[in-house]
Amino acid sequence: MKLLNKLLLTLSLVLLFGYVKAEECLIVNNENVEIPCNLYEQLNNYYSTNFLSFMTSYEYDQIKNSDLSQIETITLTDTNPLLDGNVYNPNGTYFQTSYKELRITRNGDFINANLRWIQNPQVRSYDVFGIRFLGPHIVGTPLFREYYTIGNTTYSSSSYSRKDATNGFGISVKLPVYNELESDLTFTYSGSGTIYASYQHAKTNVTLATSKKYTIAQGGYGNVLLFDNNVQIKYDNMTGVSIQG
């Protein structure tokens, strides 16, 4: 049975990544990053399959030599009783509504914030993915990817507009018309304190300029995105998450 399970796993990885180097048991992802099969299985406990499929060599370098036992996932910091179908896992490691799931993972000084749609959204306008720092600061440039599926193939897009602030940043992204949507936001940081993440979905059509009418501030949506008064009503006010850095 164990052999059968390994064969099925290898087949599924071939379909997702393209091929597996069987002689070394290396998985080669879409960015030509080679991942040992046993390490891939461990990382998949913390990172989404799409992230591992499109992970760059830079991102892989940040996590491949880390102590996986020290990886931390998010702590729920806010609840919104107006959202139906809120779900919390037993360990409190993510926040989920009936439509989407938001989680954050810290691996040393490497952060991965992930938003996965459980049900496909009806409105496809400019959503905003925001990060706020209370103590830490970003090092380098964040990487953002939007995943979507056409037929049986998953694609990745890095088309977005970033707005920077001294205490964080926001990403405006136009949702594609395809299905099985997921977003990844990764970056490294320095310093200690709290890192907040918020994903806000546009409930109606908005322009790119409108989506950027916010400041990064405590008390904003998800404790990150403080939209202008006339813009707040256009977004869904999903609960945010935070983690200690």
Protein backbone atom coordinates (compact mmCIF):
# COMPACT_ATOMS: atom_id res chain seq x y z
CA MET A 1 0.00 0.00 0.00
CA LYS A 2 2.85 2.42 0.79
CA LEU A 3 4.41 1.69 -2.60
CA LEU A 4 1.07 2.32 -4.32
CA ASN A 5 0.68 5.63 -2.49
CA LYS A 6 4.18 6.71 -3.57
CA LEU A 7 3.43 5.79 -7.17
CA LEU A 8 0.20 7.79 -7.11
CA LEU A 9 2.04 10.76 -5.56
CA THR A 10 4.72 10.60 -8.25
CA LEU A 11 2.09 10.50 -11.00
CA SER A 12 0.26 13.52 -9.57
CA LEU A 13 3.52 15.47 -9.31
CA VAL A 14 4.38 14.68 -12.91
CA LEU A 15 1.00 16.04 -14.01
CA LEU A 16 1.49 19.22 -11.96
CA PHE A 17 5.17 20.03 -12.41
CA GLY A 18 5.97 18.42 -15.74
CA TYR A 19 8.41 15.75 -14.66
CA VAL A 20 10.19 14.09 -11.75
CA LYS A 21 13.83 13.06 -11.85
CA ALA A 22 13.27 9.52 -10.66
CA GLU A 23 16.94 8.57 -10.32
CA GLU A 24 17.40 11.24 -7.67
CA CYS A 25 13.73 11.72 -6.80
CA LEU A 26 13.83 15.42 -7.62
CA ILE A 27 10.75 17.43 -8.53
CA VAL A 28 11.42 20.14 -11.14
CA ASN A 29 8.85 22.93 -10.91
CA ASN A 30 7.73 25.45 -13.52
CA GLU A 31 10.66 27.75 -12.69
CA ASN A 32 13.17 24.86 -13.13
CA VAL A 33 13.75 24.69 -9.38
CA GLU A 34 14.77 21.19 -8.31
CA ILE A 35 13.16 20.06 -5.05
CA PRO A 36 13.97 16.71 -3.38
CA CYS A 37 10.77 14.66 -3.17
CA ASN A 38 10.93 14.21 0.60
CA LEU A 39 11.45 17.96 1.13
CA TYR A 40 8.57 18.75 -1.22
CA GLU A 41 6.23 16.58 0.87
CA GLN A 42 7.28 18.41 4.03
CA LEU A 43 6.98 21.89 2.50
CA ASN A 44 3.53 21.06 1.15
CA ASN A 45 2.34 20.89 4.77
CA TYR A 46 2.98 24.63 5.03
CA TYR A 47 2.85 26.03 1.49
CA SER A 48 0.26 25.63 -1.22
CA THR A 49 0.80 23.33 -4.18
CA ASN A 50 0.61 26.33 -6.51
CA PHE A 51 3.31 28.18 -4.58
CA LEU A 52 5.64 25.18 -4.77
CA SER A 53 4.83 24.76 -8.45
CA PHE A 54 5.86 28.36 -9.31
CA MET A 55 8.36 29.06 -6.53
CA THR A 56 11.45 30.91 -7.77
CA SER A 57 15.02 29.92 -6.98
CA TYR A 58 15.26 32.98 -4.71
CA GLU A 59 12.24 31.88 -2.69
CA TYR A 60 13.53 28.33 -2.54
CA ASP A 61 16.87 29.55 -1.22
CA GLN A 62 15.03 31.29 1.64
CA ILE A 63 13.34 28.11 2.86
CA LYS A 64 15.28 25.03 1.74
CA ASN A 65 17.81 24.98 4.59
CA SER A 66 15.47 26.12 7.34
CA ASP A 67 14.41 24.13 10.37
CA LEU A 68 10.89 23.10 9.36
CA SER A 69 9.96 22.50 12.98
CA GLN A 70 10.32 26.26 13.51
CA ILE A 71 7.86 27.27 10.78
CA GLU A 72 4.89 29.21 12.18
CA THR A 73 1.49 29.83 10.67
CA ILE A 74 -0.87 32.69 11.37
CA THR A 75 -2.68 33.75 14.51
CA LEU A 76 -6.23 35.00 14.09
CA THR A 77 -6.44 38.60 15.22
CA ASP A 78 -9.90 39.71 14.20
CA THR A 79 -13.40 38.35 13.65
CA ASN A 80 -16.31 39.74 11.71
CA PRO A 81 -19.77 38.44 12.75
CA LEU A 82 -21.25 39.89 9.57
CA LEU A 83 -19.49 37.25 7.49
CA ASP A 84 -21.42 33.99 7.19
CA GLY A 85 -19.77 30.61 7.45
CA ASN A 86 -16.61 31.61 9.33
CA VAL A 87 -14.43 28.56 10.01
CA TYR A 88 -11.39 28.20 12.26
CA ASN A 89 -9.16 25.16 12.20
CA PRO A 90 -8.46 23.46 15.58
CA ASN A 91 -5.04 25.10 15.94
CA GLY A 92 -6.20 28.58 14.91
CA THR A 93 -3.74 28.67 12.02
CA TYR A 94 -5.99 30.27 9.42
CA PHE A 95 -9.13 32.32 8.92
CA GLN A 96 -11.74 31.14 6.45
CA THR A 97 -15.09 32.35 5.22
CA SER A 98 -17.42 30.32 3.05
CA TYR A 99 -15.76 31.94 0.01
CA LYS A 100 -12.04 32.31 0.70
CA GLU A 101 -9.22 31.36 3.04
CA LEU A 102 -6.39 33.62 4.24
CA ARG A 103 -3.23 32.36 5.89
CA ILE A 104 0.27 33.59 6.65
CA THR A 105 3.41 31.52 7.22
CA ARG A 106 6.73 32.61 8.74
CA ASN A 107 9.87 30.62 8.01
CA GLY A 108 12.76 32.44 9.65
CA ASP A 109 12.66 35.92 8.09
CA PHE A 110 10.69 34.72 5.05
CA ILE A 111 6.94 35.45 4.92
CA ASN A 112 4.32 33.85 2.68
CA ALA A 113 0.78 35.27 2.74
CA ASN A 114 -1.73 33.20 0.79
CA LEU A 115 -5.35 33.80 -0.26
CA ARG A 116 -7.31 30.90 -1.74
CA TRP A 117 -10.82 31.21 -3.17
CA ILE A 118 -13.08 28.34 -2.07
CA GLN A 119 -15.93 29.52 -4.28
CA ASN A 120 -15.33 31.52 -7.43
CA PRO A 121 -16.13 35.23 -6.95
CA GLN A 122 -18.83 36.85 -9.02
CA VAL A 123 -17.23 40.30 -9.14
CA ARG A 124 -13.85 40.42 -10.91
CA SER A 125 -12.47 43.86 -10.22
CA TYR A 126 -9.48 45.25 -8.28
CA ASP A 127 -8.89 43.40 -5.02
CA VAL A 128 -6.27 44.58 -2.53
CA PHE A 129 -3.71 42.45 -0.64
CA GLY A 130 -2.09 44.50 2.14
CA ILE A 131 0.75 44.09 4.65
CA ARG A 132 1.35 46.23 7.75
CA PHE A 133 4.47 46.17 9.91
CA LEU A 134 4.54 47.02 13.61
CA GLY A 135 8.26 46.89 14.34
CA PRO A 136 9.75 44.93 11.41
CA HIS A 137 10.47 46.34 7.95
CA ILE A 138 10.63 44.74 4.53
CA VAL A 139 13.94 43.79 2.93
CA GLY A 140 14.06 43.99 -0.85
CA THR A 141 11.00 43.77 -3.07
CA PRO A 142 7.90 41.62 -2.42
CA LEU A 143 6.88 38.99 -4.95
CA PHE A 144 3.23 38.57 -5.92
CA ARG A 145 1.55 35.89 -8.02
CA GLU A 146 -2.06 35.25 -9.00
CA TYR A 147 -2.87 31.65 -9.96
CA TYR A 148 -5.80 30.60 -12.12
CA THR A 149 -6.90 27.51 -14.00
CA ILE A 150 -7.91 27.07 -17.63
CA GLY A 151 -9.07 23.55 -18.38
CA ASN A 152 -6.68 21.28 -16.49
CA THR A 153 -3.75 23.68 -16.50
CA THR A 154 -2.78 26.17 -13.79
CA TYR A 155 -1.14 29.43 -14.80
CA SER A 156 0.60 32.19 -12.86
CA SER A 157 0.41 35.94 -13.44
CA SER A 158 2.48 38.68 -11.81
CA SER A 159 0.47 41.64 -13.08
CA TYR A 160 -0.29 44.04 -10.23
CA SER A 161 0.15 47.59 -8.94
CA ARG A 162 1.93 48.21 -5.62
CA LYS A 163 1.46 51.12 -3.23
CA ASP A 164 4.24 51.56 -0.66
CA ALA A 165 4.13 53.16 2.78
CA THR A 166 6.66 53.49 5.57
CA ASN A 167 4.80 50.87 7.62
CA GLY A 168 3.78 48.42 4.89
CA PHE A 169 2.44 48.15 1.38
CA GLY A 170 -0.59 47.14 -0.65
CA ILE A 171 -1.05 45.17 -3.87
CA SER A 172 -3.95 45.96 -6.23
CA VAL A 173 -4.76 43.11 -8.59
CA LYS A 174 -7.47 42.74 -11.23
CA LEU A 175 -9.05 39.32 -10.76
CA PRO A 176 -8.89 37.22 -13.92
CA VAL A 177 -12.07 35.78 -15.42
CA TYR A 178 -10.87 32.20 -14.90
CA ASN A 179 -11.47 29.79 -12.00
CA GLU A 180 -9.67 28.26 -9.02
CA LEU A 181 -8.10 31.57 -8.04
CA GLU A 182 -5.30 31.84 -5.51
CA SER A 183 -2.81 34.59 -4.60
CA ASP A 184 0.64 34.47 -3.02
CA LEU A 185 2.55 37.39 -1.52
CA THR A 186 6.11 36.67 -0.34
CA PHE A 187 8.88 38.80 1.11
CA THR A 188 11.73 38.83 3.62
CA TYR A 189 11.90 41.19 6.58
CA SER A 190 14.22 42.47 9.27
CA GLY A 191 13.53 43.45 12.86
CA SER A 192 11.05 42.15 15.42
CA GLY A 193 7.39 42.81 16.09
CA THR A 194 4.10 41.98 14.40
CA ILE A 195 3.29 41.50 10.72
CA TYR A 196 -0.36 41.93 9.67
CA ALA A 197 -1.92 40.69 6.42
CA SER A 198 -5.29 41.63 4.93
CA TYR A 199 -7.08 40.68 1.71
CA GLN A 200 -10.03 42.81 0.64
CA HIS A 201 -12.35 41.80 -2.18
CA ALA A 202 -14.14 44.43 -4.24
CA LYS A 203 -17.91 43.84 -4.03
CA THR A 204 -18.52 46.07 -7.04
CA ASN A 205 -16.50 47.25 -10.01
CA VAL A 206 -13.83 49.77 -9.05
CA THR A 207 -11.00 51.40 -10.94
CA LEU A 208 -7.34 50.84 -10.16
CA ALA A 209 -7.13 54.40 -8.84
CA THR A 210 -10.07 53.79 -6.48
CA SER A 211 -8.53 50.57 -5.17
CA LYS A 212 -5.48 52.56 -4.03
CA LYS A 213 -7.42 55.09 -1.97
CA TYR A 214 -6.28 53.84 1.42
CA THR A 215 -3.57 54.22 4.01
CA ILE A 216 -1.79 51.42 5.87
CA ALA A 217 -3.06 51.81 9.41
CA GLN A 218 -4.26 50.08 12.55
CA GLY A 219 -8.04 49.96 12.59
CA GLY A 220 -8.32 49.60 8.84
CA TYR A 221 -9.91 46.59 7.16
CA GLY A 222 -8.07 43.51 8.40
CA ASN A 223 -6.18 45.90 10.70
CA VAL A 224 -4.18 46.96 7.62
CA LEU A 225 -6.14 48.81 4.90
CA LEU A 226 -7.84 52.04 5.96
CA PHE A 227 -9.88 52.94 2.88
CA ASP A 228 -11.28 56.41 2.25
CA ASN A 229 -14.83 56.80 3.56
CA ASN A 230 -16.44 56.63 0.13
CA VAL A 231 -14.41 53.53 -0.79
CA GLN A 232 -14.94 51.39 2.33
CA ILE A 233 -18.40 50.25 1.27
CA LYS A 234 -16.98 48.86 -1.96
CA TYR A 235 -14.89 46.20 -0.14
CA ASP A 236 -15.96 43.19 1.90
CA ASN A 237 -14.05 43.89 5.16
CA MET A 238 -12.69 40.34 5.55
CA THR A 239 -10.90 39.65 8.82
CA GLY A 240 -7.11 39.96 8.74
CA VAL A 241 -4.39 37.79 10.24
CA SER A 242 -1.10 38.51 11.98
CA ILE A 243 2.07 36.77 13.06
CA GLN A 244 4.99 37.64 15.31
CA GLY A 245 8.24 38.35 13.56
